[in-house]
Each structure stands twice: as structure tokens, then as C-alpha cells.
Amino acid sequence: MDIKNRIIFTGRLNRNEVAKYGFPIKLGEYLSTGKPVIVTSVGDIPLFLKDGENAYISKPDDVASFANKLNDCLSDPFKASYIGKKGEELVYREFNYLEVTAHIVYSM
């Protein structure tokens, strides 16, 4: 693939900028386990995850909010299991490397 002339390097991002504007790869790995995930609403996370549907999402910098999500998860194991499975489905639908790569290649 002749992509050398189609890639423009615009510089590096520091760790805070990546967290602010990106979707953490590790989060995708956690979601793929099918276990419920509790996460803070930062960066691109709210673009993909919905609180109480496919993850437990707490407010940023709010310890009480995170603790409440932990409590919600632990107090209803059936709902937690359902949310975990929905998170897993999202990962395989939205982050499937075969489909995402095909979309990128064929949209060029």
C-alpha cells in the first residue's frame, strides 16, 4: 500500500491529551470480557458507552458517583451480567478490526 505520502504526522500528544480525546484501548479489552465495566465519563467514552446499558459510567472527579456505580453493579448481579454482555457486544460490533479496517480502506 502506497500510504507514505498520505500520512501526515502532526506531532505527539501527551498522556492527558490522549485520555481527554480518545477511547482507551484497555477499556475495549475490559469490555470484551463480557464482565460489567465501571468507568468515568471522559474523552470519547460517552460516544460509545451508555450508563446502565453497556457500562456503568460515573461523573469525572466524583468519588461518590464512582462509589454509587460500584454499589449499583454489586447490588444487582443479574443486571450487571446483562450490562457486561451488552458491553461485549458493543466491542465486537464497533471495534471489530476486520470491519473497521475494511471501512477505512474502502472509504479512501
PDB file of N, CA and C in Angstrom:
ATOM      1  N   MET A   1       0.839  -1.181   0.000  1.00  0.00           N
ATOM      2  CA  MET A   1       0.000   0.000   0.000  1.00  0.00           C
ATOM      3  C   MET A   1       0.880   1.240   0.000  1.00  0.00           C
ATOM      4  N   ASP A   2       0.648   2.105  -0.913  1.00  0.00           N
ATOM      5  CA  ASP A   2       1.418   3.344  -1.008  1.00  0.00           C
ATOM      6  C   ASP A   2       0.770   4.412  -0.128  1.00  0.00           C
ATOM      7  N   ILE A   3       1.074   4.345   1.163  1.00  0.00           N
ATOM      8  CA  ILE A   3       0.446   5.302   2.079  1.00  0.00           C
ATOM      9  C   ILE A   3       1.431   6.325   2.623  1.00  0.00           C
ATOM     10  N   LYS A   4       2.688   6.183   2.282  1.00  0.00           N
ATOM     11  CA  LYS A   4       3.710   7.080   2.822  1.00  0.00           C
ATOM     12  C   LYS A   4       3.369   8.555   2.592  1.00  0.00           C
ATOM     13  N   ASN A   5       2.876   8.887   1.446  1.00  0.00           N
ATOM     14  CA  ASN A   5       2.556  10.278   1.122  1.00  0.00           C
ATOM     15  C   ASN A   5       1.162  10.692   1.577  1.00  0.00           C
ATOM     16  N   ARG A   6       0.402   9.760   2.156  1.00  0.00           N
ATOM     17  CA  ARG A   6      -0.955  10.076   2.607  1.00  0.00           C
ATOM     18  C   ARG A   6      -1.050  10.206   4.117  1.00  0.00           C
ATOM     19  N   ILE A   7       0.042   9.997   4.819  1.00  0.00           N
ATOM     20  CA  ILE A   7       0.058  10.125   6.275  1.00  0.00           C
ATOM     21  C   ILE A   7       0.758  11.426   6.643  1.00  0.00           C
ATOM     22  N   ILE A   8       0.106  12.215   7.450  1.00  0.00           N
ATOM     23  CA  ILE A   8       0.680  13.491   7.886  1.00  0.00           C
ATOM     24  C   ILE A   8       0.862  13.421   9.394  1.00  0.00           C
ATOM     25  N   PHE A   9       2.093  13.465   9.823  1.00  0.00           N
ATOM     26  CA  PHE A   9       2.396  13.437  11.250  1.00  0.00           C
ATOM     27  C   PHE A   9       2.285  14.852  11.787  1.00  0.00           C
ATOM     28  N   THR A  10       1.396  15.066  12.718  1.00  0.00           N
ATOM     29  CA  THR A  10       1.157  16.413  13.234  1.00  0.00           C
ATOM     30  C   THR A  10       1.746  16.639  14.615  1.00  0.00           C
ATOM     31  N   GLY A  11       2.442  15.663  15.139  1.00  0.00           N
ATOM     32  CA  GLY A  11       3.059  15.821  16.441  1.00  0.00           C
ATOM     33  C   GLY A  11       2.567  14.798  17.441  1.00  0.00           C
ATOM     34  N   ARG A  12       3.157  14.846  18.606  1.00  0.00           N
ATOM     35  CA  ARG A  12       2.814  13.908  19.669  1.00  0.00           C
ATOM     36  C   ARG A  12       1.787  14.511  20.612  1.00  0.00           C
ATOM     37  N   LEU A  13       1.027  13.623  21.256  1.00  0.00           N
ATOM     38  CA  LEU A  13       0.102  14.044  22.303  1.00  0.00           C
ATOM     39  C   LEU A  13       0.628  13.554  23.636  1.00  0.00           C
ATOM     40  N   ASN A  14       0.482  14.377  24.653  1.00  0.00           N
ATOM     41  CA  ASN A  14       0.887  13.897  25.971  1.00  0.00           C
ATOM     42  C   ASN A  14      -0.212  12.997  26.529  1.00  0.00           C
ATOM     43  N   ARG A  15       0.067  12.336  27.614  1.00  0.00           N
ATOM     44  CA  ARG A  15      -0.849  11.359  28.205  1.00  0.00           C
ATOM     45  C   ARG A  15      -2.222  11.957  28.510  1.00  0.00           C
ATOM     46  N   ASN A  16      -2.265  13.173  29.025  1.00  0.00           N
ATOM     47  CA  ASN A  16      -3.541  13.813  29.359  1.00  0.00           C
ATOM     48  C   ASN A  16      -4.381  14.108  28.127  1.00  0.00           C
ATOM     49  N   GLU A  17      -3.728  14.508  27.043  1.00  0.00           N
ATOM     50  CA  GLU A  17      -4.468  14.793  25.816  1.00  0.00           C
ATOM     51  C   GLU A  17      -5.071  13.523  25.222  1.00  0.00           C
ATOM     52  N   VAL A  18      -4.340  12.433  25.279  1.00  0.00           N
ATOM     53  CA  VAL A  18      -4.856  11.165  24.766  1.00  0.00           C
ATOM     54  C   VAL A  18      -6.082  10.740  25.568  1.00  0.00           C
ATOM     55  N   ALA A  19      -6.013  10.828  26.879  1.00  0.00           N
ATOM     56  CA  ALA A  19      -7.152  10.456  27.722  1.00  0.00           C
ATOM     57  C   ALA A  19      -8.335  11.376  27.494  1.00  0.00           C
ATOM     58  N   LYS A  20      -8.050  12.649  27.238  1.00  0.00           N
ATOM     59  CA  LYS A  20      -9.125  13.619  27.070  1.00  0.00           C
ATOM     60  C   LYS A  20      -9.874  13.416  25.750  1.00  0.00           C
ATOM     61  N   TYR A  21      -9.151  13.042  24.703  1.00  0.00           N
ATOM     62  CA  TYR A  21      -9.761  12.997  23.378  1.00  0.00           C
ATOM     63  C   TYR A  21      -9.888  11.602  22.778  1.00  0.00           C
ATOM     64  N   GLY A  22      -9.516  10.589  23.482  1.00  0.00           N
ATOM     65  CA  GLY A  22      -9.527   9.273  22.875  1.00  0.00           C
ATOM     66  C   GLY A  22     -10.390   8.262  23.596  1.00  0.00           C
ATOM     67  N   PHE A  23     -10.421   7.076  23.036  1.00  0.00           N
ATOM     68  CA  PHE A  23     -11.103   5.950  23.656  1.00  0.00           C
ATOM     69  C   PHE A  23     -10.011   4.987  24.086  1.00  0.00           C
ATOM     70  N   PRO A  24      -9.857   4.750  25.388  1.00  0.00           N
ATOM     71  CA  PRO A  24      -8.762   3.907  25.871  1.00  0.00           C
ATOM     72  C   PRO A  24      -8.845   2.475  25.327  1.00  0.00           C
ATOM     73  N   ILE A  25      -7.778   2.019  24.718  1.00  0.00           N
ATOM     74  CA  ILE A  25      -7.718   0.661  24.171  1.00  0.00           C
ATOM     75  C   ILE A  25      -7.969  -0.365  25.275  1.00  0.00           C
ATOM     76  N   LYS A  26      -7.416  -0.134  26.443  1.00  0.00           N
ATOM     77  CA  LYS A  26      -7.625  -1.063  27.568  1.00  0.00           C
ATOM     78  C   LYS A  26      -9.102  -1.222  27.883  1.00  0.00           C
ATOM     79  N   LEU A  27      -9.866  -0.158  27.765  1.00  0.00           N
ATOM     80  CA  LEU A  27     -11.294  -0.239  28.043  1.00  0.00           C
ATOM     81  C   LEU A  27     -11.966  -1.215  27.089  1.00  0.00           C
ATOM     82  N   GLY A  28     -11.575  -1.190  25.837  1.00  0.00           N
ATOM     83  CA  GLY A  28     -12.101  -2.158  24.873  1.00  0.00           C
ATOM     84  C   GLY A  28     -11.768  -3.586  25.279  1.00  0.00           C
ATOM     85  N   GLU A  29     -10.571  -3.780  25.803  1.00  0.00           N
ATOM     86  CA  GLU A  29     -10.181  -5.110  26.267  1.00  0.00           C
ATOM     87  C   GLU A  29     -11.035  -5.537  27.454  1.00  0.00           C
ATOM     88  N   TYR A  30     -11.264  -4.636  28.374  1.00  0.00           N
ATOM     89  CA  TYR A  30     -12.088  -4.972  29.546  1.00  0.00           C
ATOM     90  C   TYR A  30     -13.516  -5.301  29.124  1.00  0.00           C
ATOM     91  N   LEU A  31     -14.067  -4.487  28.225  1.00  0.00           N
ATOM     92  CA  LEU A  31     -15.430  -4.724  27.759  1.00  0.00           C
ATOM     93  C   LEU A  31     -15.550  -6.076  27.053  1.00  0.00           C
ATOM     94  N   SER A  32     -14.511  -6.467  26.344  1.00  0.00           N
ATOM     95  CA  SER A  32     -14.560  -7.716  25.579  1.00  0.00           C
ATOM     96  C   SER A  32     -14.649  -8.958  26.457  1.00  0.00           C
ATOM     97  N   THR A  33     -14.437  -8.811  27.757  1.00  0.00           N
ATOM     98  CA  THR A  33     -14.545  -9.964  28.656  1.00  0.00           C
ATOM     99  C   THR A  33     -15.993 -10.328  28.956  1.00  0.00           C
ATOM    100  N   GLY A  34     -16.913  -9.405  28.678  1.00  0.00           N
ATOM    101  CA  GLY A  34     -18.313  -9.650  28.997  1.00  0.00           C
ATOM    102  C   GLY A  34     -18.657  -9.380  30.448  1.00  0.00           C
ATOM    103  N   LYS A  35     -17.693  -8.907  31.203  1.00  0.00           N
ATOM    104  CA  LYS A  35     -17.932  -8.535  32.605  1.00  0.00           C
ATOM    105  C   LYS A  35     -18.349  -7.065  32.663  1.00  0.00           C
ATOM    106  N   PRO A  36     -19.140  -6.687  33.656  1.00  0.00           N
ATOM    107  CA  PRO A  36     -19.540  -5.274  33.752  1.00  0.00           C
ATOM    108  C   PRO A  36     -18.331  -4.378  34.018  1.00  0.00           C
ATOM    109  N   VAL A  37     -18.339  -3.227  33.381  1.00  0.00           N
ATOM    110  CA  VAL A  37     -17.240  -2.275  33.489  1.00  0.00           C
ATOM    111  C   VAL A  37     -17.758  -0.986  34.113  1.00  0.00           C
ATOM    112  N   ILE A  38     -17.006  -0.463  35.069  1.00  0.00           N
ATOM    113  CA  ILE A  38     -17.314   0.829  35.692  1.00  0.00           C
ATOM    114  C   ILE A  38     -16.219   1.793  35.266  1.00  0.00           C
ATOM    115  N   VAL A  39     -16.624   2.903  34.685  1.00  0.00           N
ATOM    116  CA  VAL A  39     -15.667   3.819  34.090  1.00  0.00           C
ATOM    117  C   VAL A  39     -16.135   5.256  34.313  1.00  0.00           C
ATOM    118  N   THR A  40     -15.218   6.191  34.177  1.00  0.00           N
ATOM    119  CA  THR A  40     -15.536   7.607  34.306  1.00  0.00           C
ATOM    120  C   THR A  40     -15.838   8.186  32.928  1.00  0.00           C
ATOM    121  N   SER A  41     -16.757   9.096  32.842  1.00  0.00           N
ATOM    122  CA  SER A  41     -17.177   9.711  31.583  1.00  0.00           C
ATOM    123  C   SER A  41     -16.166  10.772  31.152  1.00  0.00           C
ATOM    124  N   VAL A  42     -15.150  10.346  30.417  1.00  0.00           N
ATOM    125  CA  VAL A  42     -14.124  11.260  29.898  1.00  0.00           C
ATOM    126  C   VAL A  42     -13.832  10.915  28.448  1.00  0.00           C
ATOM    127  N   GLY A  43     -13.220  11.847  27.742  1.00  0.00           N
ATOM    128  CA  GLY A  43     -12.822  11.613  26.356  1.00  0.00           C
ATOM    129  C   GLY A  43     -13.975  11.159  25.489  1.00  0.00           C
ATOM    130  N   ASP A  44     -13.714  10.163  24.648  1.00  0.00           N
ATOM    131  CA  ASP A  44     -14.721   9.650  23.725  1.00  0.00           C
ATOM    132  C   ASP A  44     -15.582   8.550  24.332  1.00  0.00           C
ATOM    133  N   ILE A  45     -15.359   8.207  25.571  1.00  0.00           N
ATOM    134  CA  ILE A  45     -16.108   7.124  26.208  1.00  0.00           C
ATOM    135  C   ILE A  45     -17.616   7.315  26.082  1.00  0.00           C
ATOM    136  N   PRO A  46     -18.170   8.503  26.378  1.00  0.00           N
ATOM    137  CA  PRO A  46     -19.628   8.656  26.280  1.00  0.00           C
ATOM    138  C   PRO A  46     -20.173   8.583  24.852  1.00  0.00           C
ATOM    139  N   LEU A  47     -19.303   8.643  23.859  1.00  0.00           N
ATOM    140  CA  LEU A  47     -19.761   8.498  22.475  1.00  0.00           C
ATOM    141  C   LEU A  47     -20.142   7.053  22.168  1.00  0.00           C
ATOM    142  N   PHE A  48     -19.585   6.123  22.928  1.00  0.00           N
ATOM    143  CA  PHE A  48     -19.818   4.704  22.679  1.00  0.00           C
ATOM    144  C   PHE A  48     -20.610   4.022  23.783  1.00  0.00           C
ATOM    145  N   LEU A  49     -20.338   4.386  25.020  1.00  0.00           N
ATOM    146  CA  LEU A  49     -20.950   3.697  26.143  1.00  0.00           C
ATOM    147  C   LEU A  49     -22.113   4.495  26.713  1.00  0.00           C
ATOM    148  N   LYS A  50     -23.129   3.772  27.137  1.00  0.00           N
ATOM    149  CA  LYS A  50     -24.306   4.383  27.750  1.00  0.00           C
ATOM    150  C   LYS A  50     -24.482   3.813  29.153  1.00  0.00           C
ATOM    151  N   ASP A  51     -24.610   4.706  30.109  1.00  0.00           N
ATOM    152  CA  ASP A  51     -24.746   4.306  31.508  1.00  0.00           C
ATOM    153  C   ASP A  51     -25.980   3.430  31.708  1.00  0.00           C
ATOM    154  N   GLY A  52     -25.765   2.293  32.349  1.00  0.00           N
ATOM    155  CA  GLY A  52     -26.866   1.389  32.650  1.00  0.00           C
ATOM    156  C   GLY A  52     -27.290   0.527  31.479  1.00  0.00           C
ATOM    157  N   GLU A  53     -26.646   0.705  30.327  1.00  0.00           N
ATOM    158  CA  GLU A  53     -26.970  -0.106  29.152  1.00  0.00           C
ATOM    159  C   GLU A  53     -25.834  -1.059  28.803  1.00  0.00           C
ATOM    160  N   ASN A  54     -24.608  -0.507  28.634  1.00  0.00           N
ATOM    161  CA  ASN A  54     -23.476  -1.368  28.296  1.00  0.00           C
ATOM    162  C   ASN A  54     -22.252  -1.094  29.174  1.00  0.00           C
ATOM    163  N   ALA A  55     -22.438  -0.265  30.182  1.00  0.00           N
ATOM    164  CA  ALA A  55     -21.378   0.036  31.159  1.00  0.00           C
ATOM    165  C   ALA A  55     -22.005   0.824  32.306  1.00  0.00           C
ATOM    166  N   TYR A  56     -21.242   0.948  33.365  1.00  0.00           N
ATOM    167  CA  TYR A  56     -21.616   1.842  34.470  1.00  0.00           C
ATOM    168  C   TYR A  56     -20.713   3.053  34.324  1.00  0.00           C
ATOM    169  N   ILE A  57     -21.285   4.220  34.140  1.00  0.00           N
ATOM    170  CA  ILE A  57     -20.486   5.418  33.881  1.00  0.00           C
ATOM    171  C   ILE A  57     -20.691   6.431  34.997  1.00  0.00           C
ATOM    172  N   SER A  58     -19.577   6.788  35.635  1.00  0.00           N
ATOM    173  CA  SER A  58     -19.626   7.760  36.724  1.00  0.00           C
ATOM    174  C   SER A  58     -19.188   9.132  36.222  1.00  0.00           C
ATOM    175  N   LYS A  59     -19.482  10.158  37.008  1.00  0.00           N
ATOM    176  CA  LYS A  59     -19.073  11.518  36.681  1.00  0.00           C
ATOM    177  C   LYS A  59     -17.575  11.666  36.942  1.00  0.00           C
ATOM    178  N   PRO A  60     -16.884  12.444  36.110  1.00  0.00           N
ATOM    179  CA  PRO A  60     -15.454  12.662  36.329  1.00  0.00           C
ATOM    180  C   PRO A  60     -15.184  13.359  37.661  1.00  0.00           C
ATOM    181  N   ASP A  61     -14.121  12.993  38.306  1.00  0.00           N
ATOM    182  CA  ASP A  61     -13.669  13.626  39.551  1.00  0.00           C
ATOM    183  C   ASP A  61     -14.729  13.600  40.649  1.00  0.00           C
ATOM    184  N   ASP A  62     -15.544  12.566  40.678  1.00  0.00           N
ATOM    185  CA  ASP A  62     -16.618  12.471  41.657  1.00  0.00           C
ATOM    186  C   ASP A  62     -16.583  11.091  42.313  1.00  0.00           C
ATOM    187  N   VAL A  63     -15.924  11.016  43.464  1.00  0.00           N
ATOM    188  CA  VAL A  63     -15.746   9.749  44.163  1.00  0.00           C
ATOM    189  C   VAL A  63     -17.088   9.136  44.544  1.00  0.00           C
ATOM    190  N   ALA A  64     -18.027   9.951  44.968  1.00  0.00           N
ATOM    191  CA  ALA A  64     -19.348   9.448  45.356  1.00  0.00           C
ATOM    192  C   ALA A  64     -20.062   8.827  44.158  1.00  0.00           C
ATOM    193  N   SER A  65     -19.950   9.449  43.003  1.00  0.00           N
ATOM    194  CA  SER A  65     -20.571   8.914  41.792  1.00  0.00           C
ATOM    195  C   SER A  65     -19.980   7.546  41.446  1.00  0.00           C
ATOM    196  N   PHE A  66     -18.657   7.434  41.550  1.00  0.00           N
ATOM    197  CA  PHE A  66     -17.997   6.151  41.250  1.00  0.00           C
ATOM    198  C   PHE A  66     -18.424   5.097  42.273  1.00  0.00           C
ATOM    199  N   ALA A  67     -18.477   5.473  43.528  1.00  0.00           N
ATOM    200  CA  ALA A  67     -18.898   4.540  44.582  1.00  0.00           C
ATOM    201  C   ALA A  67     -20.335   4.081  44.352  1.00  0.00           C
ATOM    202  N   ASN A  68     -21.204   4.986  43.922  1.00  0.00           N
ATOM    203  CA  ASN A  68     -22.596   4.619  43.630  1.00  0.00           C
ATOM    204  C   ASN A  68     -22.677   3.621  42.485  1.00  0.00           C
ATOM    205  N   LYS A  69     -21.841   3.795  41.471  1.00  0.00           N
ATOM    206  CA  LYS A  69     -21.826   2.847  40.347  1.00  0.00           C
ATOM    207  C   LYS A  69     -21.334   1.479  40.807  1.00  0.00           C
ATOM    208  N   LEU A  70     -20.331   1.468  41.666  1.00  0.00           N
ATOM    209  CA  LEU A  70     -19.867   0.197  42.234  1.00  0.00           C
ATOM    210  C   LEU A  70     -20.998  -0.489  42.993  1.00  0.00           C
ATOM    211  N   ASN A  71     -21.707   0.282  43.795  1.00  0.00           N
ATOM    212  CA  ASN A  71     -22.824  -0.253  44.566  1.00  0.00           C
ATOM    213  C   ASN A  71     -23.924  -0.794  43.639  1.00  0.00           C
ATOM    214  N   ASP A  72     -24.252  -0.037  42.593  1.00  0.00           N
ATOM    215  CA  ASP A  72     -25.260  -0.488  41.625  1.00  0.00           C
ATOM    216  C   ASP A  72     -24.856  -1.827  41.009  1.00  0.00           C
ATOM    217  N   CYS A  73     -23.607  -1.919  40.622  1.00  0.00           N
ATOM    218  CA  CYS A  73     -23.100  -3.142  39.989  1.00  0.00           C
ATOM    219  C   CYS A  73     -23.176  -4.335  40.934  1.00  0.00           C
ATOM    220  N   LEU A  74     -22.741  -4.136  42.162  1.00  0.00           N
ATOM    221  CA  LEU A  74     -22.685  -5.240  43.120  1.00  0.00           C
ATOM    222  C   LEU A  74     -24.048  -5.611  43.697  1.00  0.00           C
ATOM    223  N   SER A  75     -24.985  -4.693  43.703  1.00  0.00           N
ATOM    224  CA  SER A  75     -26.272  -4.959  44.335  1.00  0.00           C
ATOM    225  C   SER A  75     -27.260  -5.677  43.419  1.00  0.00           C
ATOM    226  N   ASP A  76     -26.997  -5.700  42.118  1.00  0.00           N
ATOM    227  CA  ASP A  76     -27.899  -6.380  41.182  1.00  0.00           C
ATOM    228  C   ASP A  76     -27.072  -7.193  40.182  1.00  0.00           C
ATOM    229  N   PRO A  77     -26.679  -8.415  40.576  1.00  0.00           N
ATOM    230  CA  PRO A  77     -25.809  -9.214  39.711  1.00  0.00           C
ATOM    231  C   PRO A  77     -26.431  -9.580  38.361  1.00  0.00           C
ATOM    232  N   PHE A  78     -27.744  -9.716  38.304  1.00  0.00           N
ATOM    233  CA  PHE A  78     -28.379 -10.048  37.019  1.00  0.00           C
ATOM    234  C   PHE A  78     -28.275  -8.880  36.043  1.00  0.00           C
ATOM    235  N   LYS A  79     -28.546  -7.684  36.540  1.00  0.00           N
ATOM    236  CA  LYS A  79     -28.416  -6.504  35.693  1.00  0.00           C
ATOM    237  C   LYS A  79     -26.953  -6.289  35.307  1.00  0.00           C
ATOM    238  N   ALA A  80     -26.045  -6.499  36.253  1.00  0.00           N
ATOM    239  CA  ALA A  80     -24.620  -6.332  35.980  1.00  0.00           C
ATOM    240  C   ALA A  80     -24.170  -7.293  34.875  1.00  0.00           C
ATOM    241  N   SER A  81     -24.650  -8.517  34.925  1.00  0.00           N
ATOM    242  CA  SER A  81     -24.307  -9.504  33.902  1.00  0.00           C
ATOM    243  C   SER A  81     -24.833  -9.065  32.536  1.00  0.00           C
ATOM    244  N   TYR A  82     -26.054  -8.560  32.500  1.00  0.00           N
ATOM    245  CA  TYR A  82     -26.659  -8.078  31.263  1.00  0.00           C
ATOM    246  C   TYR A  82     -25.847  -6.914  30.688  1.00  0.00           C
ATOM    247  N   ILE A  83     -25.495  -5.961  31.548  1.00  0.00           N
ATOM    248  CA  ILE A  83     -24.701  -4.804  31.117  1.00  0.00           C
ATOM    249  C   ILE A  83     -23.337  -5.260  30.585  1.00  0.00           C
ATOM    250  N   GLY A  84     -22.735  -6.222  31.260  1.00  0.00           N
ATOM    251  CA  GLY A  84     -21.454  -6.753  30.797  1.00  0.00           C
ATOM    252  C   GLY A  84     -21.553  -7.367  29.413  1.00  0.00           C
ATOM    253  N   LYS A  85     -22.593  -8.127  29.168  1.00  0.00           N
ATOM    254  CA  LYS A  85     -22.782  -8.756  27.848  1.00  0.00           C
ATOM    255  C   LYS A  85     -23.046  -7.706  26.772  1.00  0.00           C
ATOM    256  N   LYS A  86     -23.788  -6.665  27.116  1.00  0.00           N
ATOM    257  CA  LYS A  86     -24.043  -5.588  26.157  1.00  0.00           C
ATOM    258  C   LYS A  86     -22.756  -4.825  25.824  1.00  0.00           C
ATOM    259  N   GLY A  87     -21.878  -4.668  26.824  1.00  0.00           N
ATOM    260  CA  GLY A  87     -20.578  -4.044  26.578  1.00  0.00           C
ATOM    261  C   GLY A  87     -19.736  -4.885  25.641  1.00  0.00           C
ATOM    262  N   GLU A  88     -19.780  -6.193  25.844  1.00  0.00           N
ATOM    263  CA  GLU A  88     -19.037  -7.111  24.966  1.00  0.00           C
ATOM    264  C   GLU A  88     -19.573  -7.027  23.529  1.00  0.00           C
ATOM    265  N   GLU A  89     -20.877  -7.010  23.372  1.00  0.00           N
ATOM    266  CA  GLU A  89     -21.474  -6.896  22.043  1.00  0.00           C
ATOM    267  C   GLU A  89     -21.039  -5.608  21.354  1.00  0.00           C
ATOM    268  N   LEU A  90     -20.994  -4.526  22.108  1.00  0.00           N
ATOM    269  CA  LEU A  90     -20.579  -3.244  21.541  1.00  0.00           C
ATOM    270  C   LEU A  90     -19.161  -3.318  20.998  1.00  0.00           C
ATOM    271  N   VAL A  91     -18.262  -3.920  21.763  1.00  0.00           N
ATOM    272  CA  VAL A  91     -16.866  -4.007  21.334  1.00  0.00           C
ATOM    273  C   VAL A  91     -16.749  -4.774  20.031  1.00  0.00           C
ATOM    274  N   TYR A  92     -17.404  -5.915  19.942  1.00  0.00           N
ATOM    275  CA  TYR A  92     -17.277  -6.729  18.738  1.00  0.00           C
ATOM    276  C   TYR A  92     -17.999  -6.119  17.543  1.00  0.00           C
ATOM    277  N   ARG A  93     -18.944  -5.242  17.786  1.00  0.00           N
ATOM    278  CA  ARG A  93     -19.650  -4.559  16.711  1.00  0.00           C
ATOM    279  C   ARG A  93     -18.879  -3.305  16.265  1.00  0.00           C
ATOM    280  N   GLU A  94     -18.441  -2.497  17.216  1.00  0.00           N
ATOM    281  CA  GLU A  94     -17.833  -1.205  16.899  1.00  0.00           C
ATOM    282  C   GLU A  94     -16.323  -1.244  16.700  1.00  0.00           C
ATOM    283  N   PHE A  95     -15.656  -2.204  17.294  1.00  0.00           N
ATOM    284  CA  PHE A  95     -14.195  -2.237  17.248  1.00  0.00           C
ATOM    285  C   PHE A  95     -13.651  -3.507  16.615  1.00  0.00           C
ATOM    286  N   ASN A  96     -14.450  -4.156  15.792  1.00  0.00           N
ATOM    287  CA  ASN A  96     -14.016  -5.350  15.083  1.00  0.00           C
ATOM    288  C   ASN A  96     -12.989  -4.923  14.035  1.00  0.00           C
ATOM    289  N   TYR A  97     -11.749  -5.373  14.176  1.00  0.00           N
ATOM    290  CA  TYR A  97     -10.678  -4.878  13.314  1.00  0.00           C
ATOM    291  C   TYR A  97     -10.922  -5.190  11.834  1.00  0.00           C
ATOM    292  N   LEU A  98     -11.567  -6.294  11.528  1.00  0.00           N
ATOM    293  CA  LEU A  98     -11.835  -6.618  10.125  1.00  0.00           C
ATOM    294  C   LEU A  98     -12.808  -5.613   9.502  1.00  0.00           C
ATOM    295  N   GLU A  99     -13.866  -5.314  10.225  1.00  0.00           N
ATOM    296  CA  GLU A  99     -14.857  -4.384   9.694  1.00  0.00           C
ATOM    297  C   GLU A  99     -14.352  -2.945   9.694  1.00  0.00           C
ATOM    298  N   VAL A 100     -13.673  -2.547  10.757  1.00  0.00           N
ATOM    299  CA  VAL A 100     -13.165  -1.176  10.830  1.00  0.00           C
ATOM    300  C   VAL A 100     -12.106  -0.950   9.760  1.00  0.00           C
ATOM    301  N   THR A 101     -11.206  -1.907   9.575  1.00  0.00           N
ATOM    302  CA  THR A 101     -10.163  -1.778   8.556  1.00  0.00           C
ATOM    303  C   THR A 101     -10.774  -1.727   7.166  1.00  0.00           C
ATOM    304  N   ALA A 102     -11.739  -2.584   6.882  1.00  0.00           N
ATOM    305  CA  ALA A 102     -12.397  -2.569   5.580  1.00  0.00           C
ATOM    306  C   ALA A 102     -13.060  -1.222   5.330  1.00  0.00           C
ATOM    307  N   HIS A 103     -13.694  -0.669   6.337  1.00  0.00           N
ATOM    308  CA  HIS A 103     -14.337   0.636   6.191  1.00  0.00           C
ATOM    309  C   HIS A 103     -13.308   1.715   5.849  1.00  0.00           C
ATOM    310  N   ILE A 104     -12.177   1.685   6.528  1.00  0.00           N
ATOM    311  CA  ILE A 104     -11.129   2.675   6.283  1.00  0.00           C
ATOM    312  C   ILE A 104     -10.561   2.520   4.878  1.00  0.00           C
ATOM    313  N   VAL A 105     -10.233   1.291   4.496  1.00  0.00           N
ATOM    314  CA  VAL A 105      -9.615   1.030   3.199  1.00  0.00           C
ATOM    315  C   VAL A 105     -10.551   1.405   2.053  1.00  0.00           C
ATOM    316  N   TYR A 106     -11.815   1.010   2.175  1.00  0.00           N
ATOM    317  CA  TYR A 106     -12.739   1.242   1.074  1.00  0.00           C
ATOM    318  C   TYR A 106     -13.286   2.660   1.033  1.00  0.00           C
ATOM    319  N   SER A 107     -13.050   3.449   2.066  1.00  0.00           N
ATOM    320  CA  SER A 107     -13.521   4.837   2.036  1.00  0.00           C
ATOM    321  C   SER A 107     -12.450   5.788   1.525  1.00  0.00           C
ATOM    322  N   MET A 108     -11.284   5.270   1.203  1.00  0.00           N
ATOM    323  CA  MET A 108     -10.187   6.127   0.719  1.00  0.00           C
ATOM    324  C   MET A 108     -10.361   6.450  -0.755  1.00  0.00           C
TER     325      MET A 108
END
